[in-house]
Amino acid sequence: MTLFKKDRFDLEQAIMNAWATSEDLDLVYHNTDNLNLTSKDADTIQNQMLGLKYLFELRMEKVWSIFEDMIKDEQFKSLNDDVSSDENDWDAFKDWKGQQELF
């Protein structure tokens, strides 16, 4: 049980924290120069790291775009007037909630 209700700002912060993985990939990429590798092995690892970073950034841009669209479409607005209620239904999760009730 969480002590506070999470909101779109918590989601935004989580997305931004996940995006830091791109910087981690850069760190590993640049550290390969400090390893005792042949130039061919270093080149192979660096190319793989660049590919991973590129794919990761594409995925994060897609997630961020979806997040921005949800904000624009006001999908984070509560459907209930009582925001302090534990029984809030959020537009963003209506479809998912309906699917969960089927099980």
N, C-alpha and C. Protein backbone atom coordinates (compact mmCIF):
# COMPACT_ATOMS: atom_id res chain seq x y z
N MET A 1 0.84 -1.19 0.00
CA MET A 1 0.00 0.00 0.00
C MET A 1 0.88 1.25 0.00
N THR A 2 0.58 2.17 -0.91
CA THR A 2 1.35 3.42 -0.96
C THR A 2 0.71 4.44 -0.03
N LEU A 3 1.53 5.33 0.49
CA LEU A 3 1.04 6.35 1.40
C LEU A 3 0.41 7.53 0.66
N PHE A 4 0.73 7.69 -0.60
CA PHE A 4 0.16 8.78 -1.37
C PHE A 4 -0.22 8.29 -2.75
N LYS A 5 -1.18 8.97 -3.33
CA LYS A 5 -1.64 8.60 -4.66
C LYS A 5 -0.68 9.18 -5.70
N LYS A 6 -0.30 8.37 -6.65
CA LYS A 6 0.59 8.83 -7.71
C LYS A 6 -0.20 9.57 -8.77
N ASP A 7 0.43 10.53 -9.39
CA ASP A 7 -0.24 11.32 -10.42
C ASP A 7 0.64 11.39 -11.67
N ARG A 8 0.22 12.21 -12.62
CA ARG A 8 0.95 12.30 -13.88
C ARG A 8 2.36 12.82 -13.70
N PHE A 9 2.59 13.59 -12.64
CA PHE A 9 3.93 14.12 -12.39
C PHE A 9 4.87 13.01 -11.91
N ASP A 10 4.33 12.06 -11.16
CA ASP A 10 5.13 10.89 -10.77
C ASP A 10 5.49 10.07 -12.01
N LEU A 11 4.53 9.92 -12.92
CA LEU A 11 4.77 9.20 -14.16
C LEU A 11 5.83 9.92 -14.99
N GLU A 12 5.71 11.24 -15.08
CA GLU A 12 6.68 12.02 -15.84
C GLU A 12 8.08 11.84 -15.26
N GLN A 13 8.19 11.88 -13.94
CA GLN A 13 9.49 11.71 -13.29
C GLN A 13 10.06 10.32 -13.55
N ALA A 14 9.20 9.30 -13.53
CA ALA A 14 9.65 7.94 -13.80
C ALA A 14 10.16 7.80 -15.23
N ILE A 15 9.48 8.45 -16.17
CA ILE A 15 9.92 8.42 -17.57
C ILE A 15 11.29 9.10 -17.69
N MET A 16 11.44 10.23 -17.05
CA MET A 16 12.71 10.95 -17.13
C MET A 16 13.84 10.15 -16.48
N ASN A 17 13.56 9.47 -15.38
CA ASN A 17 14.56 8.62 -14.74
C ASN A 17 14.96 7.47 -15.65
N ALA A 18 13.99 6.88 -16.32
CA ALA A 18 14.27 5.78 -17.25
C ALA A 18 15.14 6.27 -18.40
N TRP A 19 14.93 7.51 -18.81
CA TRP A 19 15.69 8.07 -19.92
C TRP A 19 17.18 8.18 -19.57
N ALA A 20 17.51 8.19 -18.29
CA ALA A 20 18.91 8.26 -17.87
C ALA A 20 19.69 7.03 -18.33
N THR A 21 19.00 5.97 -18.69
CA THR A 21 19.67 4.77 -19.20
C THR A 21 20.50 5.10 -20.43
N SER A 22 20.07 6.06 -21.20
CA SER A 22 20.83 6.50 -22.38
C SER A 22 22.20 7.00 -21.96
N GLU A 23 22.26 7.74 -20.87
CA GLU A 23 23.55 8.23 -20.37
C GLU A 23 24.39 7.07 -19.85
N ASP A 24 23.75 6.07 -19.25
CA ASP A 24 24.47 4.88 -18.79
C ASP A 24 25.11 4.14 -19.96
N LEU A 25 24.37 4.05 -21.06
CA LEU A 25 24.92 3.40 -22.25
C LEU A 25 26.12 4.17 -22.78
N ASP A 26 26.05 5.50 -22.74
CA ASP A 26 27.20 6.33 -23.13
C ASP A 26 28.41 6.05 -22.25
N LEU A 27 28.17 5.93 -20.95
CA LEU A 27 29.25 5.67 -20.01
C LEU A 27 29.95 4.35 -20.33
N VAL A 28 29.18 3.31 -20.57
CA VAL A 28 29.76 2.01 -20.91
C VAL A 28 30.49 2.11 -22.25
N TYR A 29 29.89 2.79 -23.21
CA TYR A 29 30.51 2.97 -24.52
C TYR A 29 31.91 3.58 -24.39
N HIS A 30 32.00 4.67 -23.62
CA HIS A 30 33.28 5.36 -23.49
C HIS A 30 34.26 4.59 -22.62
N ASN A 31 33.76 3.74 -21.74
CA ASN A 31 34.65 2.95 -20.88
C ASN A 31 35.34 1.83 -21.66
N THR A 32 34.82 1.45 -22.80
CA THR A 32 35.46 0.37 -23.56
C THR A 32 36.88 0.76 -23.99
N ASP A 33 37.15 2.06 -24.07
CA ASP A 33 38.52 2.51 -24.40
C ASP A 33 39.50 2.15 -23.29
N ASN A 34 38.99 1.99 -22.07
CA ASN A 34 39.85 1.68 -20.92
C ASN A 34 40.04 0.18 -20.71
N LEU A 35 39.38 -0.63 -21.50
CA LEU A 35 39.49 -2.08 -21.36
C LEU A 35 40.62 -2.60 -22.24
N ASN A 36 41.13 -3.74 -21.87
CA ASN A 36 42.21 -4.35 -22.64
C ASN A 36 41.61 -5.20 -23.75
N LEU A 37 41.11 -4.52 -24.78
CA LEU A 37 40.46 -5.20 -25.90
C LEU A 37 41.23 -4.94 -27.18
N THR A 38 41.10 -5.86 -28.11
CA THR A 38 41.66 -5.58 -29.43
C THR A 38 40.81 -4.47 -30.06
N SER A 39 41.36 -3.81 -31.03
CA SER A 39 40.61 -2.72 -31.67
C SER A 39 39.34 -3.26 -32.33
N LYS A 40 39.42 -4.48 -32.86
CA LYS A 40 38.23 -5.08 -33.49
C LYS A 40 37.15 -5.36 -32.44
N ASP A 41 37.53 -5.92 -31.29
CA ASP A 41 36.56 -6.20 -30.23
C ASP A 41 35.96 -4.91 -29.67
N ALA A 42 36.81 -3.91 -29.47
CA ALA A 42 36.32 -2.61 -28.97
C ALA A 42 35.34 -2.00 -29.96
N ASP A 43 35.65 -2.07 -31.23
CA ASP A 43 34.78 -1.53 -32.27
C ASP A 43 33.44 -2.27 -32.29
N THR A 44 33.48 -3.59 -32.16
CA THR A 44 32.25 -4.39 -32.14
C THR A 44 31.37 -4.01 -30.96
N ILE A 45 31.97 -3.94 -29.77
CA ILE A 45 31.20 -3.59 -28.57
C ILE A 45 30.64 -2.17 -28.68
N GLN A 46 31.45 -1.24 -29.15
CA GLN A 46 30.99 0.15 -29.28
C GLN A 46 29.84 0.25 -30.29
N ASN A 47 29.93 -0.47 -31.39
CA ASN A 47 28.83 -0.46 -32.36
C ASN A 47 27.55 -1.04 -31.76
N GLN A 48 27.69 -2.10 -30.98
CA GLN A 48 26.52 -2.68 -30.32
C GLN A 48 25.92 -1.71 -29.32
N MET A 49 26.76 -1.01 -28.56
CA MET A 49 26.28 -0.03 -27.58
C MET A 49 25.55 1.12 -28.27
N LEU A 50 26.11 1.59 -29.38
CA LEU A 50 25.45 2.67 -30.13
C LEU A 50 24.10 2.22 -30.65
N GLY A 51 24.02 0.97 -31.12
CA GLY A 51 22.74 0.44 -31.60
C GLY A 51 21.72 0.34 -30.48
N LEU A 52 22.15 -0.16 -29.31
CA LEU A 52 21.25 -0.24 -28.16
C LEU A 52 20.76 1.15 -27.74
N LYS A 53 21.68 2.10 -27.71
CA LYS A 53 21.31 3.47 -27.32
C LYS A 53 20.29 4.05 -28.30
N TYR A 54 20.51 3.84 -29.58
CA TYR A 54 19.59 4.36 -30.60
C TYR A 54 18.20 3.75 -30.44
N LEU A 55 18.13 2.43 -30.27
CA LEU A 55 16.83 1.77 -30.08
C LEU A 55 16.15 2.24 -28.81
N PHE A 56 16.92 2.36 -27.74
CA PHE A 56 16.36 2.82 -26.47
C PHE A 56 15.78 4.23 -26.61
N GLU A 57 16.52 5.12 -27.25
CA GLU A 57 16.05 6.50 -27.41
C GLU A 57 14.79 6.55 -28.28
N LEU A 58 14.71 5.72 -29.31
CA LEU A 58 13.49 5.66 -30.13
C LEU A 58 12.29 5.24 -29.28
N ARG A 59 12.49 4.22 -28.45
CA ARG A 59 11.40 3.76 -27.58
C ARG A 59 10.99 4.83 -26.58
N MET A 60 11.96 5.52 -25.99
CA MET A 60 11.65 6.56 -25.02
C MET A 60 10.93 7.73 -25.67
N GLU A 61 11.32 8.09 -26.89
CA GLU A 61 10.63 9.16 -27.60
C GLU A 61 9.17 8.78 -27.87
N LYS A 62 8.93 7.51 -28.18
CA LYS A 62 7.56 7.05 -28.39
C LYS A 62 6.76 7.13 -27.10
N VAL A 63 7.35 6.67 -25.98
CA VAL A 63 6.68 6.74 -24.68
C VAL A 63 6.37 8.18 -24.32
N TRP A 64 7.35 9.07 -24.52
CA TRP A 64 7.15 10.48 -24.19
C TRP A 64 6.05 11.10 -25.05
N SER A 65 6.02 10.74 -26.32
CA SER A 65 4.98 11.25 -27.23
C SER A 65 3.59 10.81 -26.76
N ILE A 66 3.47 9.56 -26.37
CA ILE A 66 2.19 9.06 -25.85
C ILE A 66 1.80 9.81 -24.59
N PHE A 67 2.75 10.02 -23.70
CA PHE A 67 2.51 10.76 -22.46
C PHE A 67 2.03 12.18 -22.75
N GLU A 68 2.69 12.86 -23.68
CA GLU A 68 2.28 14.22 -24.05
C GLU A 68 0.87 14.23 -24.65
N ASP A 69 0.56 13.24 -25.50
CA ASP A 69 -0.78 13.15 -26.08
C ASP A 69 -1.83 12.93 -25.00
N MET A 70 -1.51 12.12 -24.01
CA MET A 70 -2.46 11.86 -22.92
C MET A 70 -2.71 13.12 -22.11
N ILE A 71 -1.68 13.94 -21.90
CA ILE A 71 -1.86 15.20 -21.19
C ILE A 71 -2.72 16.14 -22.03
N LYS A 72 -2.40 16.22 -23.33
CA LYS A 72 -3.16 17.10 -24.23
C LYS A 72 -4.64 16.70 -24.27
N ASP A 73 -4.89 15.39 -24.27
CA ASP A 73 -6.26 14.88 -24.32
C ASP A 73 -6.94 14.85 -22.95
N GLU A 74 -6.23 15.38 -21.94
CA GLU A 74 -6.74 15.46 -20.56
C GLU A 74 -7.17 14.10 -20.02
N GLN A 75 -6.41 13.07 -20.34
CA GLN A 75 -6.73 11.74 -19.86
C GLN A 75 -6.32 11.51 -18.41
N PHE A 76 -5.67 12.48 -17.81
CA PHE A 76 -5.29 12.36 -16.41
C PHE A 76 -6.26 13.10 -15.50
N LYS A 77 -7.35 13.63 -16.08
CA LYS A 77 -8.36 14.29 -15.26
C LYS A 77 -9.22 13.25 -14.58
N SER A 78 -9.56 13.50 -13.33
CA SER A 78 -10.42 12.58 -12.59
C SER A 78 -11.85 12.67 -13.12
N LEU A 79 -12.52 11.53 -13.21
CA LEU A 79 -13.92 11.52 -13.62
C LEU A 79 -14.83 11.88 -12.45
N ASN A 80 -14.32 11.74 -11.23
CA ASN A 80 -15.10 12.07 -10.03
C ASN A 80 -14.74 13.48 -9.57
N ASP A 81 -15.71 14.15 -8.93
CA ASP A 81 -15.44 15.48 -8.42
C ASP A 81 -14.58 15.44 -7.17
N ASP A 82 -14.70 14.37 -6.37
CA ASP A 82 -13.98 14.25 -5.11
C ASP A 82 -12.59 13.67 -5.39
N VAL A 83 -11.59 14.54 -5.56
CA VAL A 83 -10.24 14.11 -5.91
C VAL A 83 -9.59 13.36 -4.75
N SER A 84 -10.02 13.61 -3.52
CA SER A 84 -9.41 12.95 -2.37
C SER A 84 -9.91 11.53 -2.18
N SER A 85 -10.92 11.14 -2.91
CA SER A 85 -11.48 9.80 -2.78
C SER A 85 -10.52 8.74 -3.29
N ASP A 86 -10.53 7.58 -2.63
CA ASP A 86 -9.71 6.46 -3.08
C ASP A 86 -10.35 5.75 -4.26
N GLU A 87 -11.55 6.12 -4.62
CA GLU A 87 -12.30 5.45 -5.68
C GLU A 87 -12.31 6.24 -6.99
N ASN A 88 -11.26 7.04 -7.24
CA ASN A 88 -11.19 7.81 -8.49
C ASN A 88 -11.06 6.89 -9.69
N ASP A 89 -11.76 7.22 -10.76
CA ASP A 89 -11.58 6.55 -12.03
C ASP A 89 -10.88 7.53 -12.95
N TRP A 90 -9.82 7.09 -13.59
CA TRP A 90 -9.04 7.96 -14.45
C TRP A 90 -9.30 7.59 -15.90
N ASP A 91 -9.49 8.61 -16.73
CA ASP A 91 -9.75 8.40 -18.16
C ASP A 91 -8.69 7.49 -18.79
N ALA A 92 -7.45 7.70 -18.42
CA ALA A 92 -6.36 6.97 -19.06
C ALA A 92 -6.44 5.47 -18.84
N PHE A 93 -7.16 5.04 -17.81
CA PHE A 93 -7.19 3.62 -17.47
C PHE A 93 -8.56 2.99 -17.64
N LYS A 94 -9.52 3.71 -18.25
CA LYS A 94 -10.88 3.18 -18.42
C LYS A 94 -10.88 1.88 -19.21
N ASP A 95 -10.20 1.85 -20.34
CA ASP A 95 -10.19 0.64 -21.18
C ASP A 95 -9.55 -0.52 -20.45
N TRP A 96 -8.46 -0.26 -19.77
CA TRP A 96 -7.74 -1.31 -19.05
C TRP A 96 -8.62 -1.86 -17.93
N LYS A 97 -9.28 -0.96 -17.20
CA LYS A 97 -10.12 -1.39 -16.09
C LYS A 97 -11.26 -2.28 -16.60
N GLY A 98 -11.85 -1.93 -17.73
CA GLY A 98 -12.91 -2.73 -18.30
C GLY A 98 -12.44 -4.13 -18.66
N GLN A 99 -11.22 -4.22 -19.16
CA GLN A 99 -10.67 -5.53 -19.51
C GLN A 99 -10.41 -6.36 -18.27
N GLN A 100 -9.98 -5.71 -17.18
CA GLN A 100 -9.68 -6.43 -15.94
C GLN A 100 -10.95 -7.00 -15.31
N GLU A 101 -12.06 -6.31 -15.49
CA GLU A 101 -13.32 -6.79 -14.92
C GLU A 101 -13.84 -8.02 -15.63
N LEU A 102 -13.33 -8.31 -16.82
CA LEU A 102 -13.74 -9.51 -17.56
C LEU A 102 -13.17 -10.77 -16.94
N PHE A 103 -12.09 -10.65 -16.19
CA PHE A 103 -11.41 -11.83 -15.64
C PHE A 103 -11.89 -12.17 -14.27
